[in-house]
Amino acid sequence: MAALTVAAFVTLLVDVAGGSREPVVLVPGAIFLVLATLGYEWVTRQARRRLSYAYIIGLFLCGFAVFVVSEASVGSTLMLVVLVIQATLTVPLAAVVVLVVLLPLFHAGMDLSEGVREGLGLFAAAVFAAVLTKLLMREQQARQALARAQREVERLAASEERNRIARDIHDGLGHSLTVVQMQIKAARAVLSQPAKADEMLGKAQDQAEEALREVRRSVGALRSPVPLPEALKRLTDETTIVGRARPLAAEAEESLFRAAQEGLTNVHKHAHATRAELFLDFSDPDCVRLEVRDNGTGVAGGDTGGFGLLGLRERAARLGGRLTLESAPGAGATLRMEVPG
């Protein structure tokens, strides 16, 4: 718009220099130039409706003066096109329609046939400028909406990634550190028996190394190539595989493994159990079921609201599966996750 406004004013200067227009036309022309460039930026920053109307009326009067004094010169026509563009950008569509209808009336003093011809030409140019500007505005709005949507998607993806990392830390590193803590406590309790204390500390060291591997795994977002049945057997020797093992989606295997880790961690921390078992059941062709069973004290109310179980439920729900915890005081507990696969 600024370039078009400057071009219109330069056209007036050329006409005045060539003697075809009176120098007085430069006065309203210069006012129009300042308003349409510096004034437009200021008005759009204010974002006030009344000020926008006053601004467009001011441009309209300057444009009319230039048009009359220059006797419908090319420069004045260009300024009127700038007027229509800026009106489309700053005031409601109804006001733009009124403006476009009024512009052809500037030719009312001409010969009838010439006035009609010139008026229709100006009307067509004004309509074209308004429609093109409106289309460009809609395209810009669509781009902005798309950018906002992309930012929202990125925000949600970042949030999901944070949740995933939190689950991985709790389910993996939390499990390992709990076992390390228990082994160290056991070792301290048998310090009078060096051989047994050394055995406990050795297990703690092994578990600490496993925790370090888990951290590296989470940071690198890498999935272990170890098959799920073998990975479960590394957690505990009390692992039973039912049915014929088959490949599962990476996220399904990850969720089942995390459920086993969380279940065993809860047994060690809360159940006071003497036995904990893992059951991985492939017998159903449509889903895979993992159960963590213990003979501990059970859970009053049959459920807990800890972060670990919440994370497991989120994993199961995302896969279209479910997580349940069956328990009764004094009768042990069974943590069960079922996922499609």
C-alpha atoms as a PDB file:
ATOM      1  CA  MET A   1       0.000   0.000   0.000  1.00  0.00           C
ATOM      2  CA  ALA A   2       2.791   2.401   0.847  1.00  0.00           C
ATOM      3  CA  ALA A   3       4.432   1.771  -2.522  1.00  0.00           C
ATOM      4  CA  LEU A   4       1.136   2.319  -4.353  1.00  0.00           C
ATOM      5  CA  THR A   5       0.516   5.562  -2.419  1.00  0.00           C
ATOM      6  CA  VAL A   6       3.999   6.887  -3.206  1.00  0.00           C
ATOM      7  CA  ALA A   7       3.515   5.941  -6.862  1.00  0.00           C
ATOM      8  CA  ALA A   8       0.232   7.880  -6.938  1.00  0.00           C
ATOM      9  CA  PHE A   9       1.867  10.976  -5.451  1.00  0.00           C
ATOM     10  CA  VAL A  10       4.834  10.736  -7.837  1.00  0.00           C
ATOM     11  CA  THR A  11       2.330  10.618 -10.706  1.00  0.00           C
ATOM     12  CA  LEU A  12       0.843  13.884  -9.452  1.00  0.00           C
ATOM     13  CA  LEU A  13       4.320  15.408  -9.266  1.00  0.00           C
ATOM     14  CA  VAL A  14       4.998  14.404 -12.862  1.00  0.00           C
ATOM     15  CA  ASP A  15       1.680  15.917 -13.977  1.00  0.00           C
ATOM     16  CA  VAL A  16       2.451  19.177 -12.146  1.00  0.00           C
ATOM     17  CA  ALA A  17       5.990  19.266 -13.538  1.00  0.00           C
ATOM     18  CA  GLY A  18       4.635  18.752 -17.040  1.00  0.00           C
ATOM     19  CA  GLY A  19       2.185  21.597 -16.614  1.00  0.00           C
ATOM     20  CA  SER A  20      -0.916  19.470 -17.039  1.00  0.00           C
ATOM     21  CA  ARG A  21      -2.022  19.928 -13.410  1.00  0.00           C
ATOM     22  CA  GLU A  22      -2.094  22.863 -11.017  1.00  0.00           C
ATOM     23  CA  PRO A  23       0.496  22.769  -8.180  1.00  0.00           C
ATOM     24  CA  VAL A  24      -2.303  23.176  -5.644  1.00  0.00           C
ATOM     25  CA  VAL A  25      -3.178  19.519  -6.152  1.00  0.00           C
ATOM     26  CA  LEU A  26      -0.001  18.605  -4.279  1.00  0.00           C
ATOM     27  CA  VAL A  27      -1.419  19.909  -1.001  1.00  0.00           C
ATOM     28  CA  PRO A  28      -4.255  17.357  -0.578  1.00  0.00           C
ATOM     29  CA  GLY A  29      -2.013  14.833  -2.293  1.00  0.00           C
ATOM     30  CA  ALA A  30       0.735  15.284   0.310  1.00  0.00           C
ATOM     31  CA  ILE A  31      -1.817  15.046   3.139  1.00  0.00           C
ATOM     32  CA  PHE A  32      -3.172  11.838   1.640  1.00  0.00           C
ATOM     33  CA  LEU A  33       0.389  10.490   1.334  1.00  0.00           C
ATOM     34  CA  VAL A  34       1.174  11.130   5.027  1.00  0.00           C
ATOM     35  CA  LEU A  35      -2.158   9.744   6.230  1.00  0.00           C
ATOM     36  CA  ALA A  36      -2.027   6.614   4.075  1.00  0.00           C
ATOM     37  CA  THR A  37       1.506   5.718   5.190  1.00  0.00           C
ATOM     38  CA  LEU A  38       2.361   6.987   8.675  1.00  0.00           C
ATOM     39  CA  GLY A  39      -1.265   7.461   9.733  1.00  0.00           C
ATOM     40  CA  TYR A  40      -2.308   3.940   8.780  1.00  0.00           C
ATOM     41  CA  GLU A  41       0.303   2.324  11.030  1.00  0.00           C
ATOM     42  CA  TRP A  42      -0.759   4.482  13.962  1.00  0.00           C
ATOM     43  CA  VAL A  43      -4.488   3.851  13.478  1.00  0.00           C
ATOM     44  CA  THR A  44      -4.090   0.081  13.219  1.00  0.00           C
ATOM     45  CA  ARG A  45      -2.071   0.024  16.455  1.00  0.00           C
ATOM     46  CA  GLN A  46      -4.843   1.912  18.285  1.00  0.00           C
ATOM     47  CA  ALA A  47      -7.472  -0.640  17.210  1.00  0.00           C
ATOM     48  CA  ARG A  48     -10.409   1.692  17.935  1.00  0.00           C
ATOM     49  CA  ARG A  49     -13.490   1.628  15.697  1.00  0.00           C
ATOM     50  CA  ARG A  50     -14.359   5.344  15.869  1.00  0.00           C
ATOM     51  CA  LEU A  51     -10.787   6.336  15.115  1.00  0.00           C
ATOM     52  CA  SER A  52     -10.794   3.997  12.096  1.00  0.00           C
ATOM     53  CA  TYR A  53     -13.967   5.624  10.745  1.00  0.00           C
ATOM     54  CA  ALA A  54     -12.495   9.112  11.241  1.00  0.00           C
ATOM     55  CA  TYR A  55      -9.309   8.036   9.493  1.00  0.00           C
ATOM     56  CA  ILE A  56     -11.154   6.641   6.448  1.00  0.00           C
ATOM     57  CA  ILE A  57     -13.330   9.775   6.231  1.00  0.00           C
ATOM     58  CA  GLY A  58     -10.170  11.888   6.266  1.00  0.00           C
ATOM     59  CA  LEU A  59      -8.653   9.834   3.460  1.00  0.00           C
ATOM     60  CA  PHE A  60     -11.935  10.036   1.561  1.00  0.00           C
ATOM     61  CA  LEU A  61     -12.000  13.845   1.718  1.00  0.00           C
ATOM     62  CA  CYS A  62      -8.339  14.136   0.679  1.00  0.00           C
ATOM     63  CA  GLY A  63      -8.871  11.691  -2.152  1.00  0.00           C
ATOM     64  CA  PHE A  64     -11.957  13.587  -3.312  1.00  0.00           C
ATOM     65  CA  ALA A  65     -10.032  16.882  -3.269  1.00  0.00           C
ATOM     66  CA  VAL A  66      -7.180  15.389  -5.297  1.00  0.00           C
ATOM     67  CA  PHE A  67      -9.668  13.845  -7.730  1.00  0.00           C
ATOM     68  CA  VAL A  68     -11.529  17.127  -8.313  1.00  0.00           C
ATOM     69  CA  VAL A  69      -8.494  19.416  -8.514  1.00  0.00           C
ATOM     70  CA  SER A  70      -6.561  17.054 -10.789  1.00  0.00           C
ATOM     71  CA  GLU A  71      -9.656  16.408 -12.926  1.00  0.00           C
ATOM     72  CA  ALA A  72      -9.714  12.629 -12.441  1.00  0.00           C
ATOM     73  CA  SER A  73      -6.005  12.088 -13.057  1.00  0.00           C
ATOM     74  CA  VAL A  74      -4.351   8.671 -12.896  1.00  0.00           C
ATOM     75  CA  GLY A  75      -2.674   9.611  -9.627  1.00  0.00           C
ATOM     76  CA  SER A  76      -6.017  10.454  -7.999  1.00  0.00           C
ATOM     77  CA  THR A  77      -7.492   7.156  -9.158  1.00  0.00           C
ATOM     78  CA  LEU A  78      -4.584   5.263  -7.615  1.00  0.00           C
ATOM     79  CA  MET A  79      -5.171   7.107  -4.346  1.00  0.00           C
ATOM     80  CA  LEU A  80      -8.824   6.076  -4.388  1.00  0.00           C
ATOM     81  CA  VAL A  81      -7.754   2.465  -4.845  1.00  0.00           C
ATOM     82  CA  VAL A  82      -5.485   2.836  -1.793  1.00  0.00           C
ATOM     83  CA  LEU A  83      -8.487   4.287   0.059  1.00  0.00           C
ATOM     84  CA  VAL A  84     -10.595   1.217  -0.721  1.00  0.00           C
ATOM     85  CA  ILE A  85      -7.812  -1.161   0.332  1.00  0.00           C
ATOM     86  CA  GLN A  86      -7.280   0.574   3.656  1.00  0.00           C
ATOM     87  CA  ALA A  87     -11.028   0.773   4.303  1.00  0.00           C
ATOM     88  CA  THR A  88     -11.295  -2.978   3.747  1.00  0.00           C
ATOM     89  CA  LEU A  89      -8.539  -3.500   6.303  1.00  0.00           C
ATOM     90  CA  THR A  90      -9.826  -1.142   8.986  1.00  0.00           C
ATOM     91  CA  VAL A  91     -13.640  -0.799   8.912  1.00  0.00           C
ATOM     92  CA  PRO A  92     -16.565  -3.255   8.600  1.00  0.00           C
ATOM     93  CA  LEU A  93     -17.647  -4.593   5.225  1.00  0.00           C
ATOM     94  CA  ALA A  94     -20.862  -2.528   5.208  1.00  0.00           C
ATOM     95  CA  ALA A  95     -18.837   0.682   5.349  1.00  0.00           C
ATOM     96  CA  VAL A  96     -16.618  -0.558   2.514  1.00  0.00           C
ATOM     97  CA  VAL A  97     -19.698  -1.246   0.364  1.00  0.00           C
ATOM     98  CA  VAL A  98     -20.966   2.304   0.952  1.00  0.00           C
ATOM     99  CA  LEU A  99     -17.558   3.695   0.015  1.00  0.00           C
ATOM    100  CA  VAL A 100     -17.341   1.652  -3.201  1.00  0.00           C
ATOM    101  CA  VAL A 101     -20.819   2.798  -4.216  1.00  0.00           C
ATOM    102  CA  LEU A 102     -19.964   6.462  -3.573  1.00  0.00           C
ATOM    103  CA  LEU A 103     -16.723   6.544  -5.590  1.00  0.00           C
ATOM    104  CA  PRO A 104     -18.338   6.439  -9.083  1.00  0.00           C
ATOM    105  CA  LEU A 105     -20.359   9.547  -8.125  1.00  0.00           C
ATOM    106  CA  PHE A 106     -17.108  11.528  -8.311  1.00  0.00           C
ATOM    107  CA  HIS A 107     -17.669  11.518 -12.109  1.00  0.00           C
ATOM    108  CA  ALA A 108     -21.132  13.097 -11.828  1.00  0.00           C
ATOM    109  CA  GLY A 109     -19.977  16.433 -13.268  1.00  0.00           C
ATOM    110  CA  MET A 110     -18.685  14.891 -16.503  1.00  0.00           C
ATOM    111  CA  ASP A 111     -20.460  14.387 -19.782  1.00  0.00           C
ATOM    112  CA  LEU A 112     -23.054  11.640 -19.296  1.00  0.00           C
ATOM    113  CA  SER A 113     -21.510   8.990 -21.528  1.00  0.00           C
ATOM    114  CA  GLU A 114     -17.979   9.739 -20.386  1.00  0.00           C
ATOM    115  CA  GLY A 115     -19.070   9.940 -16.740  1.00  0.00           C
ATOM    116  CA  VAL A 116     -20.814   6.570 -16.937  1.00  0.00           C
ATOM    117  CA  ARG A 117     -17.800   4.994 -18.625  1.00  0.00           C
ATOM    118  CA  GLU A 118     -15.287   6.421 -16.173  1.00  0.00           C
ATOM    119  CA  GLY A 119     -17.569   5.776 -13.213  1.00  0.00           C
ATOM    120  CA  LEU A 120     -17.994   2.124 -14.111  1.00  0.00           C
ATOM    121  CA  GLY A 121     -14.248   1.794 -14.554  1.00  0.00           C
ATOM    122  CA  LEU A 122     -13.590   3.277 -11.111  1.00  0.00           C
ATOM    123  CA  PHE A 123     -16.335   1.113  -9.615  1.00  0.00           C
ATOM    124  CA  ALA A 124     -14.794  -2.039 -11.131  1.00  0.00           C
ATOM    125  CA  ALA A 125     -11.319  -1.084  -9.866  1.00  0.00           C
ATOM    126  CA  ALA A 126     -12.706  -0.408  -6.371  1.00  0.00           C
ATOM    127  CA  VAL A 127     -14.611  -3.722  -6.262  1.00  0.00           C
ATOM    128  CA  PHE A 128     -11.540  -5.601  -7.465  1.00  0.00           C
ATOM    129  CA  ALA A 129      -9.340  -3.933  -4.827  1.00  0.00           C
ATOM    130  CA  ALA A 130     -11.845  -4.682  -2.025  1.00  0.00           C
ATOM    131  CA  VAL A 131     -12.367  -8.316  -3.035  1.00  0.00           C
ATOM    132  CA  LEU A 132      -8.654  -8.983  -3.492  1.00  0.00           C
ATOM    133  CA  THR A 133      -7.848  -7.379  -0.126  1.00  0.00           C
ATOM    134  CA  LYS A 134     -10.568  -9.434   1.585  1.00  0.00           C
ATOM    135  CA  LEU A 135      -9.205 -12.637   0.076  1.00  0.00           C
ATOM    136  CA  LEU A 136      -5.686 -11.788   1.214  1.00  0.00           C
ATOM    137  CA  MET A 137      -6.996 -11.048   4.718  1.00  0.00           C
ATOM    138  CA  ARG A 138      -8.719 -14.434   4.861  1.00  0.00           C
ATOM    139  CA  GLU A 139      -5.573 -16.164   3.675  1.00  0.00           C
ATOM    140  CA  GLN A 140      -3.551 -14.399   6.354  1.00  0.00           C
ATOM    141  CA  GLN A 141      -6.112 -15.324   9.016  1.00  0.00           C
ATOM    142  CA  ALA A 142      -6.030 -18.939   7.838  1.00  0.00           C
ATOM    143  CA  ARG A 143      -2.230 -18.942   8.077  1.00  0.00           C
ATOM    144  CA  GLN A 144      -2.401 -17.510  11.587  1.00  0.00           C
ATOM    145  CA  ALA A 145      -4.997 -20.091  12.614  1.00  0.00           C
ATOM    146  CA  LEU A 146      -2.824 -22.849  11.175  1.00  0.00           C
ATOM    147  CA  ALA A 147       0.212 -21.504  13.034  1.00  0.00           C
ATOM    148  CA  ARG A 148      -1.779 -21.429  16.279  1.00  0.00           C
ATOM    149  CA  ALA A 149      -2.967 -24.978  15.668  1.00  0.00           C
ATOM    150  CA  GLN A 150       0.597 -26.122  15.010  1.00  0.00           C
ATOM    151  CA  ARG A 151       1.786 -24.469  18.218  1.00  0.00           C
ATOM    152  CA  GLU A 152      -1.018 -26.192  20.128  1.00  0.00           C
ATOM    153  CA  VAL A 153      -0.110 -29.555  18.609  1.00  0.00           C
ATOM    154  CA  GLU A 154       3.530 -28.979  19.559  1.00  0.00           C
ATOM    155  CA  ARG A 155       2.479 -28.016  23.090  1.00  0.00           C
ATOM    156  CA  LEU A 156       0.355 -31.151  23.453  1.00  0.00           C
ATOM    157  CA  ALA A 157       3.138 -33.306  22.013  1.00  0.00           C
ATOM    158  CA  ALA A 158       5.614 -31.793  24.473  1.00  0.00           C
ATOM    159  CA  SER A 159       3.178 -32.393  27.326  1.00  0.00           C
ATOM    160  CA  GLU A 160       2.669 -36.002  26.240  1.00  0.00           C
ATOM    161  CA  GLU A 161       6.413 -36.491  25.995  1.00  0.00           C
ATOM    162  CA  ARG A 162       6.892 -35.082  29.504  1.00  0.00           C
ATOM    163  CA  ASN A 163       4.231 -37.467  30.798  1.00  0.00           C
ATOM    164  CA  ARG A 164       5.905 -40.376  29.020  1.00  0.00           C
ATOM    165  CA  ILE A 165       9.289 -39.505  30.495  1.00  0.00           C
ATOM    166  CA  ALA A 166       7.720 -39.156  33.945  1.00  0.00           C
ATOM    167  CA  ARG A 167       6.149 -42.602  33.601  1.00  0.00           C
ATOM    168  CA  ASP A 168       9.406 -44.111  32.390  1.00  0.00           C
ATOM    169  CA  ILE A 169      11.346 -42.611  35.286  1.00  0.00           C
ATOM    170  CA  HIS A 170       8.813 -43.770  37.847  1.00  0.00           C
ATOM    171  CA  ASP A 171       8.227 -47.214  36.350  1.00  0.00           C
ATOM    172  CA  GLY A 172      11.845 -47.964  35.499  1.00  0.00           C
ATOM    173  CA  LEU A 173      14.244 -45.981  37.622  1.00  0.00           C
ATOM    174  CA  GLY A 174      11.871 -45.922  40.600  1.00  0.00           C
ATOM    175  CA  HIS A 175      11.623 -49.702  40.582  1.00  0.00           C
ATOM    176  CA  SER A 176      15.383 -50.175  40.419  1.00  0.00           C
ATOM    177  CA  LEU A 177      16.151 -47.677  43.162  1.00  0.00           C
ATOM    178  CA  THR A 178      13.556 -49.266  45.427  1.00  0.00           C
ATOM    179  CA  VAL A 179      15.267 -52.626  45.060  1.00  0.00           C
ATOM    180  CA  VAL A 180      18.688 -51.038  45.667  1.00  0.00           C
ATOM    181  CA  GLN A 181      17.378 -49.412  48.833  1.00  0.00           C
ATOM    182  CA  MET A 182      15.987 -52.706  50.103  1.00  0.00           C
ATOM    183  CA  GLN A 183      19.219 -54.582  49.404  1.00  0.00           C
ATOM    184  CA  ILE A 184      21.289 -51.944  51.199  1.00  0.00           C
ATOM    185  CA  LYS A 185      18.957 -52.089  54.191  1.00  0.00           C
ATOM    186  CA  ALA A 186      19.258 -55.866  54.242  1.00  0.00           C
ATOM    187  CA  ALA A 187      23.046 -55.633  54.011  1.00  0.00           C
ATOM    188  CA  ARG A 188      23.191 -53.219  56.932  1.00  0.00           C
ATOM    189  CA  ALA A 189      21.058 -55.596  58.982  1.00  0.00           C
ATOM    190  CA  VAL A 190      23.568 -58.436  58.492  1.00  0.00           C
ATOM    191  CA  LEU A 191      26.851 -56.534  58.791  1.00  0.00           C
ATOM    192  CA  SER A 192      27.912 -59.086  61.410  1.00  0.00           C
ATOM    193  CA  GLN A 193      27.806 -61.688  58.626  1.00  0.00           C
ATOM    194  CA  PRO A 194      30.286 -60.377  56.016  1.00  0.00           C
ATOM    195  CA  ALA A 195      29.514 -63.019  53.392  1.00  0.00           C
ATOM    196  CA  LYS A 196      25.783 -62.364  53.459  1.00  0.00           C
ATOM    197  CA  ALA A 197      26.265 -58.592  53.584  1.00  0.00           C
ATOM    198  CA  ASP A 198      28.574 -58.831  50.566  1.00  0.00           C
ATOM    199  CA  GLU A 199      25.915 -60.831  48.697  1.00  0.00           C
ATOM    200  CA  MET A 200      23.297 -58.181  49.438  1.00  0.00           C
ATOM    201  CA  LEU A 201      25.600 -55.362  48.353  1.00  0.00           C
ATOM    202  CA  GLY A 202      26.420 -57.247  45.166  1.00  0.00           C
ATOM    203  CA  LYS A 203      22.728 -57.446  44.331  1.00  0.00           C
ATOM    204  CA  ALA A 204      22.385 -53.738  45.093  1.00  0.00           C
ATOM    205  CA  GLN A 205      25.271 -52.991  42.742  1.00  0.00           C
ATOM    206  CA  ASP A 206      23.694 -55.086  39.996  1.00  0.00           C
ATOM    207  CA  GLN A 207      20.402 -53.251  40.442  1.00  0.00           C
ATOM    208  CA  ALA A 208      22.147 -49.867  40.419  1.00  0.00           C
ATOM    209  CA  GLU A 209      23.785 -50.790  37.122  1.00  0.00           C
ATOM    210  CA  GLU A 210      20.378 -51.790  35.803  1.00  0.00           C
ATOM    211  CA  ALA A 211      19.042 -48.401  36.902  1.00  0.00           C
ATOM    212  CA  LEU A 212      21.857 -46.679  35.008  1.00  0.00           C
ATOM    213  CA  ARG A 213      21.001 -48.657  31.901  1.00  0.00           C
ATOM    214  CA  GLU A 214      17.376 -47.633  32.366  1.00  0.00           C
ATOM    215  CA  VAL A 215      18.332 -43.957  32.536  1.00  0.00           C
ATOM    216  CA  ARG A 216      20.316 -44.272  29.323  1.00  0.00           C
ATOM    217  CA  ARG A 217      17.400 -46.071  27.747  1.00  0.00           C
ATOM    218  CA  SER A 218      14.906 -43.347  28.733  1.00  0.00           C
ATOM    219  CA  VAL A 219      17.155 -40.487  27.657  1.00  0.00           C
ATOM    220  CA  GLY A 220      17.822 -42.092  24.313  1.00  0.00           C
ATOM    221  CA  ALA A 221      14.151 -43.066  23.941  1.00  0.00           C
ATOM    222  CA  LEU A 222      15.309 -46.473  22.776  1.00  0.00           C
ATOM    223  CA  ARG A 223      13.398 -49.674  23.055  1.00  0.00           C
ATOM    224  CA  SER A 224      15.247 -52.719  24.375  1.00  0.00           C
ATOM    225  CA  PRO A 225      15.605 -55.448  21.759  1.00  0.00           C
ATOM    226  CA  VAL A 226      15.113 -58.105  24.445  1.00  0.00           C
ATOM    227  CA  PRO A 227      11.812 -60.003  23.865  1.00  0.00           C
ATOM    228  CA  LEU A 228       9.142 -59.322  26.462  1.00  0.00           C
ATOM    229  CA  PRO A 229       9.116 -62.838  28.021  1.00  0.00           C
ATOM    230  CA  GLU A 230      12.881 -62.715  28.521  1.00  0.00           C
ATOM    231  CA  ALA A 231      12.718 -59.176  29.914  1.00  0.00           C
ATOM    232  CA  LEU A 232      10.100 -60.306  32.449  1.00  0.00           C
ATOM    233  CA  LYS A 233      12.201 -63.283  33.505  1.00  0.00           C
ATOM    234  CA  ARG A 234      15.042 -60.868  34.227  1.00  0.00           C
ATOM    235  CA  LEU A 235      12.733 -59.086  36.667  1.00  0.00           C
ATOM    236  CA  THR A 236      11.928 -62.264  38.588  1.00  0.00           C
ATOM    237  CA  ASP A 237      12.463 -65.999  38.221  1.00  0.00           C
ATOM    238  CA  GLU A 238       8.800 -66.473  39.171  1.00  0.00           C
ATOM    239  CA  THR A 239       7.585 -65.759  35.652  1.00  0.00           C
ATOM    240  CA  THR A 240       5.106 -67.982  33.824  1.00  0.00           C
ATOM    241  CA  ILE A 241       4.362 -67.679  30.104  1.00  0.00           C
ATOM    242  CA  VAL A 242       0.973 -69.040  29.002  1.00  0.00           C
ATOM    243  CA  GLY A 243       0.346 -69.713  25.309  1.00  0.00           C
ATOM    244  CA  ARG A 244       2.691 -69.161  22.412  1.00  0.00           C
ATOM    245  CA  ALA A 245       4.580 -65.880  22.589  1.00  0.00           C
ATOM    246  CA  ARG A 246       4.133 -63.616  19.577  1.00  0.00           C
ATOM    247  CA  PRO A 247       5.559 -60.223  18.529  1.00  0.00           C
ATOM    248  CA  LEU A 248       3.691 -57.196  19.861  1.00  0.00           C
ATOM    249  CA  ALA A 249       3.713 -53.525  19.027  1.00  0.00           C
ATOM    250  CA  ALA A 250       6.570 -51.681  20.699  1.00  0.00           C
ATOM    251  CA  GLU A 251       4.250 -49.586  22.875  1.00  0.00           C
ATOM    252  CA  ALA A 252       2.280 -52.659  23.957  1.00  0.00           C
ATOM    253  CA  GLU A 253       5.441 -54.480  25.053  1.00  0.00           C
ATOM    254  CA  GLU A 254       6.652 -51.347  26.818  1.00  0.00           C
ATOM    255  CA  SER A 255       3.375 -50.969  28.713  1.00  0.00           C
ATOM    256  CA  LEU A 256       3.278 -54.617  29.818  1.00  0.00           C
ATOM    257  CA  PHE A 257       6.893 -54.447  30.981  1.00  0.00           C
ATOM    258  CA  ARG A 258       6.206 -51.259  32.940  1.00  0.00           C
ATOM    259  CA  ALA A 259       3.157 -52.881  34.538  1.00  0.00           C
ATOM    260  CA  ALA A 260       5.347 -55.769  35.699  1.00  0.00           C
ATOM    261  CA  GLN A 261       7.941 -53.364  37.111  1.00  0.00           C
ATOM    262  CA  GLU A 262       5.345 -51.261  38.916  1.00  0.00           C
ATOM    263  CA  GLY A 263       3.572 -54.310  40.297  1.00  0.00           C
ATOM    264  CA  LEU A 264       6.768 -55.835  41.680  1.00  0.00           C
ATOM    265  CA  THR A 265       7.843 -52.485  43.120  1.00  0.00           C
ATOM    266  CA  ASN A 266       4.547 -52.131  44.961  1.00  0.00           C
ATOM    267  CA  VAL A 267       4.868 -55.691  46.281  1.00  0.00           C
ATOM    268  CA  HIS A 268       8.345 -54.940  47.658  1.00  0.00           C
ATOM    269  CA  LYS A 269       7.300 -51.620  49.165  1.00  0.00           C
ATOM    270  CA  HIS A 270       3.825 -52.290  50.529  1.00  0.00           C
ATOM    271  CA  ALA A 271       2.602 -55.872  50.374  1.00  0.00           C
ATOM    272  CA  HIS A 272       4.846 -57.603  52.984  1.00  0.00           C
ATOM    273  CA  ALA A 273       4.635 -60.632  50.704  1.00  0.00           C
ATOM    274  CA  THR A 274       6.799 -63.740  50.686  1.00  0.00           C
ATOM    275  CA  ARG A 275       6.065 -64.509  47.069  1.00  0.00           C
ATOM    276  CA  ALA A 276       5.403 -62.511  43.906  1.00  0.00           C
ATOM    277  CA  GLU A 277       4.691 -64.024  40.487  1.00  0.00           C
ATOM    278  CA  LEU A 278       4.356 -62.780  36.942  1.00  0.00           C
ATOM    279  CA  PHE A 279       1.957 -64.357  34.438  1.00  0.00           C
ATOM    280  CA  LEU A 280       2.080 -63.407  30.770  1.00  0.00           C
ATOM    281  CA  ASP A 281      -0.863 -64.895  28.878  1.00  0.00           C
ATOM    282  CA  PHE A 282      -0.872 -65.121  25.057  1.00  0.00           C
ATOM    283  CA  SER A 283      -3.763 -67.627  24.872  1.00  0.00           C
ATOM    284  CA  ASP A 284      -6.287 -65.027  23.636  1.00  0.00           C
ATOM    285  CA  PRO A 285      -5.566 -64.247  19.950  1.00  0.00           C
ATOM    286  CA  ASP A 286      -6.933 -60.708  20.295  1.00  0.00           C
ATOM    287  CA  CYS A 287      -5.200 -59.510  23.440  1.00  0.00           C
ATOM    288  CA  VAL A 288      -2.309 -60.175  25.807  1.00  0.00           C
ATOM    289  CA  ARG A 289      -2.736 -60.223  29.577  1.00  0.00           C
ATOM    290  CA  LEU A 290      -0.099 -59.622  32.225  1.00  0.00           C
ATOM    291  CA  GLU A 291      -0.733 -60.360  35.900  1.00  0.00           C
ATOM    292  CA  VAL A 292       1.379 -59.586  38.942  1.00  0.00           C
ATOM    293  CA  ARG A 293       0.232 -61.739  41.857  1.00  0.00           C
ATOM    294  CA  ASP A 294       1.434 -61.719  45.450  1.00  0.00           C
ATOM    295  CA  ASN A 295       0.476 -63.340  48.749  1.00  0.00           C
ATOM    296  CA  GLY A 296       0.855 -60.189  50.812  1.00  0.00           C
ATOM    297  CA  THR A 297      -1.441 -58.183  53.037  1.00  0.00           C
ATOM    298  CA  GLY A 298      -3.569 -56.888  50.180  1.00  0.00           C
ATOM    299  CA  VAL A 299      -4.943 -53.415  49.615  1.00  0.00           C
ATOM    300  CA  ALA A 300      -7.889 -52.082  51.567  1.00  0.00           C
ATOM    301  CA  GLY A 301     -10.586 -50.928  49.159  1.00  0.00           C
ATOM    302  CA  GLY A 302      -9.079 -52.874  46.265  1.00  0.00           C
ATOM    303  CA  ASP A 303      -7.314 -49.949  44.602  1.00  0.00           C
ATOM    304  CA  THR A 304      -4.785 -47.148  45.094  1.00  0.00           C
ATOM    305  CA  GLY A 305      -4.435 -43.730  43.526  1.00  0.00           C
ATOM    306  CA  GLY A 306      -0.652 -43.613  43.254  1.00  0.00           C
ATOM    307  CA  PHE A 307       1.136 -42.005  40.331  1.00  0.00           C
ATOM    308  CA  GLY A 308       2.453 -45.383  39.207  1.00  0.00           C
ATOM    309  CA  LEU A 309      -0.973 -46.932  38.695  1.00  0.00           C
ATOM    310  CA  LEU A 310      -2.220 -43.710  37.115  1.00  0.00           C
ATOM    311  CA  GLY A 311       0.592 -43.849  34.572  1.00  0.00           C
ATOM    312  CA  LEU A 312      -0.166 -47.512  33.837  1.00  0.00           C
ATOM    313  CA  ARG A 313      -3.843 -46.732  33.303  1.00  0.00           C
ATOM    314  CA  GLU A 314      -2.869 -44.004  30.859  1.00  0.00           C
ATOM    315  CA  ARG A 315      -0.674 -46.442  28.966  1.00  0.00           C
ATOM    316  CA  ALA A 316      -3.416 -49.084  28.826  1.00  0.00           C
ATOM    317  CA  ALA A 317      -6.102 -46.592  27.781  1.00  0.00           C
ATOM    318  CA  ARG A 318      -3.938 -45.214  24.988  1.00  0.00           C
ATOM    319  CA  LEU A 319      -3.628 -48.738  23.579  1.00  0.00           C
ATOM    320  CA  GLY A 320      -7.334 -49.487  23.952  1.00  0.00           C
ATOM    321  CA  GLY A 321      -6.744 -51.831  26.886  1.00  0.00           C
ATOM    322  CA  ARG A 322      -7.402 -51.684  30.615  1.00  0.00           C
ATOM    323  CA  LEU A 323      -5.707 -51.992  33.992  1.00  0.00           C
ATOM    324  CA  THR A 324      -7.304 -53.487  37.106  1.00  0.00           C
ATOM    325  CA  LEU A 325      -6.197 -54.195  40.657  1.00  0.00           C
ATOM    326  CA  GLU A 326      -7.973 -56.981  42.540  1.00  0.00           C
ATOM    327  CA  SER A 327      -7.245 -57.239  46.247  1.00  0.00           C
ATOM    328  CA  ALA A 328      -8.658 -57.936  49.665  1.00  0.00           C
ATOM    329  CA  PRO A 329      -7.071 -57.343  53.080  1.00  0.00           C
ATOM    330  CA  GLY A 330      -4.934 -60.328  54.003  1.00  0.00           C
ATOM    331  CA  ALA A 331      -5.567 -62.120  50.702  1.00  0.00           C
ATOM    332  CA  GLY A 332      -2.855 -60.681  48.470  1.00  0.00           C
ATOM    333  CA  ALA A 333      -3.368 -58.698  45.298  1.00  0.00           C
ATOM    334  CA  THR A 334      -3.442 -59.166  41.530  1.00  0.00           C
ATOM    335  CA  LEU A 335      -2.477 -56.339  39.204  1.00  0.00           C
ATOM    336  CA  ARG A 336      -3.746 -57.070  35.696  1.00  0.00           C
ATOM    337  CA  MET A 337      -3.116 -55.283  32.415  1.00  0.00           C
ATOM    338  CA  GLU A 338      -4.765 -56.329  29.169  1.00  0.00           C
ATOM    339  CA  VAL A 339      -3.826 -54.779  25.836  1.00  0.00           C
ATOM    340  CA  PRO A 340      -4.724 -55.616  22.224  1.00  0.00           C
ATOM    341  CA  GLY A 341      -2.096 -57.652  20.452  1.00  0.00           C
END
